[in-house]
Amino acid sequence: MSKLTLNAAPEVIDLAKKIAALNGTSVSDLFSQLIRSLDASGKPSKLAPLTRRASGIVRLPRGKSDRKLIEQALAERYGR
C-alpha cells in the first residue's frame, strides 16, 4: 500500500480521529472508504440508503474471502 500525506486543520484531524475511533477503524481506512464512496466525477455514488448506511460495517478476517465465509456460514447453518 502506498503512503499519502494530507494537510488539514487541527479540528478536522481531531474529528477524523474521533469518527474513526467510533467506527473501530483508522483514519486511513476512513479516508479510503470516503474515496471509494465517490464516483469518477467526485460525486457520491448513488447507493440505496440502507446500503449506504451498512457500507463498511463488516470487517472480513485476513486471509478469508467473502465467498469462503459465506460457504462456511451456510455449512454451519445447513450442515454438510
Protein backbone atom coordinates (compact mmCIF):
# COMPACT_ATOMS: atom_id res chain seq x y z
CA MET A 1 0.00 0.00 0.00
CA SER A 2 1.29 3.47 -0.87
CA LYS A 3 1.60 6.26 1.65
CA LEU A 4 -0.14 9.63 1.30
CA THR A 5 0.30 12.72 3.45
CA LEU A 6 -2.62 15.12 3.79
CA ASN A 7 -2.82 18.55 5.42
CA ALA A 8 -5.93 19.60 7.33
CA ALA A 9 -6.95 21.97 10.07
CA PRO A 10 -6.36 20.59 13.57
CA GLU A 11 -10.10 20.42 14.29
CA VAL A 12 -10.66 18.38 11.11
CA ILE A 13 -7.89 15.98 12.12
CA ASP A 14 -9.38 15.60 15.61
CA LEU A 15 -12.83 14.97 14.12
CA ALA A 16 -11.44 12.37 11.70
CA LYS A 17 -9.74 10.56 14.60
CA LYS A 18 -12.96 10.58 16.65
CA ILE A 19 -15.07 9.30 13.75
CA ALA A 20 -12.52 6.58 13.00
CA ALA A 21 -12.40 5.51 16.66
CA LEU A 22 -16.20 5.39 16.90
CA ASN A 23 -16.24 3.14 13.83
CA GLY A 24 -13.38 0.93 15.02
CA THR A 25 -11.17 1.86 12.06
CA SER A 26 -8.20 4.03 11.22
CA VAL A 27 -8.19 7.48 9.67
CA SER A 28 -6.53 5.92 6.61
CA ASP A 29 -9.35 3.38 6.24
CA LEU A 30 -11.92 6.12 6.82
CA PHE A 31 -10.35 8.17 4.01
CA SER A 32 -10.27 5.11 1.72
CA GLN A 33 -13.96 4.44 2.39
CA LEU A 34 -14.79 8.07 1.58
CA ILE A 35 -12.90 7.99 -1.71
CA ARG A 36 -14.47 4.66 -2.70
CA SER A 37 -17.92 6.07 -1.97
CA LEU A 38 -17.43 8.68 -4.71
CA ASP A 39 -17.81 8.02 -8.41
CA ALA A 40 -15.26 9.13 -11.04
CA SER A 41 -16.75 12.64 -11.19
CA GLY A 42 -16.23 13.12 -7.44
CA LYS A 43 -19.93 12.94 -6.66
CA PRO A 44 -21.31 10.48 -4.11
CA SER A 45 -22.24 7.22 -5.78
CA LYS A 46 -25.94 6.51 -5.91
CA LEU A 47 -26.43 3.83 -3.29
CA ALA A 48 -29.69 2.98 -1.66
CA PRO A 49 -29.97 4.45 1.86
CA LEU A 50 -29.71 1.05 3.58
CA THR A 51 -26.65 0.12 1.51
CA ARG A 52 -25.06 3.49 2.22
CA ARG A 53 -25.60 3.07 6.00
CA ALA A 54 -24.31 -0.51 6.00
CA SER A 55 -21.22 0.26 3.93
CA GLY A 56 -18.02 -0.57 5.77
CA ILE A 57 -19.56 -2.05 8.92
CA VAL A 58 -18.28 -5.57 8.28
CA ARG A 59 -14.62 -6.47 8.54
CA LEU A 60 -13.52 -9.71 6.87
CA PRO A 61 -10.86 -11.76 8.64
CA ARG A 62 -7.49 -11.62 6.90
CA GLY A 63 -6.88 -14.50 4.54
CA LYS A 64 -10.57 -15.38 4.08
CA SER A 65 -12.56 -14.33 1.06
CA ASP A 66 -16.18 -13.32 1.32
CA ARG A 67 -17.06 -16.44 -0.70
CA LYS A 68 -15.31 -18.73 1.84
CA LEU A 69 -17.09 -17.01 4.73
CA ILE A 70 -20.46 -17.48 3.02
CA GLU A 71 -19.70 -21.14 2.33
CA GLN A 72 -18.70 -21.63 5.97
CA ALA A 73 -21.84 -19.90 7.27
CA LEU A 74 -24.08 -21.98 5.01
CA ALA A 75 -22.32 -25.19 6.06
CA GLU A 76 -22.79 -24.29 9.73
CA ARG A 77 -26.45 -23.44 9.21
CA TYR A 78 -27.49 -26.33 6.99
CA GLY A 79 -24.78 -28.88 7.73
CA ARG A 80 -22.57 -30.55 5.24
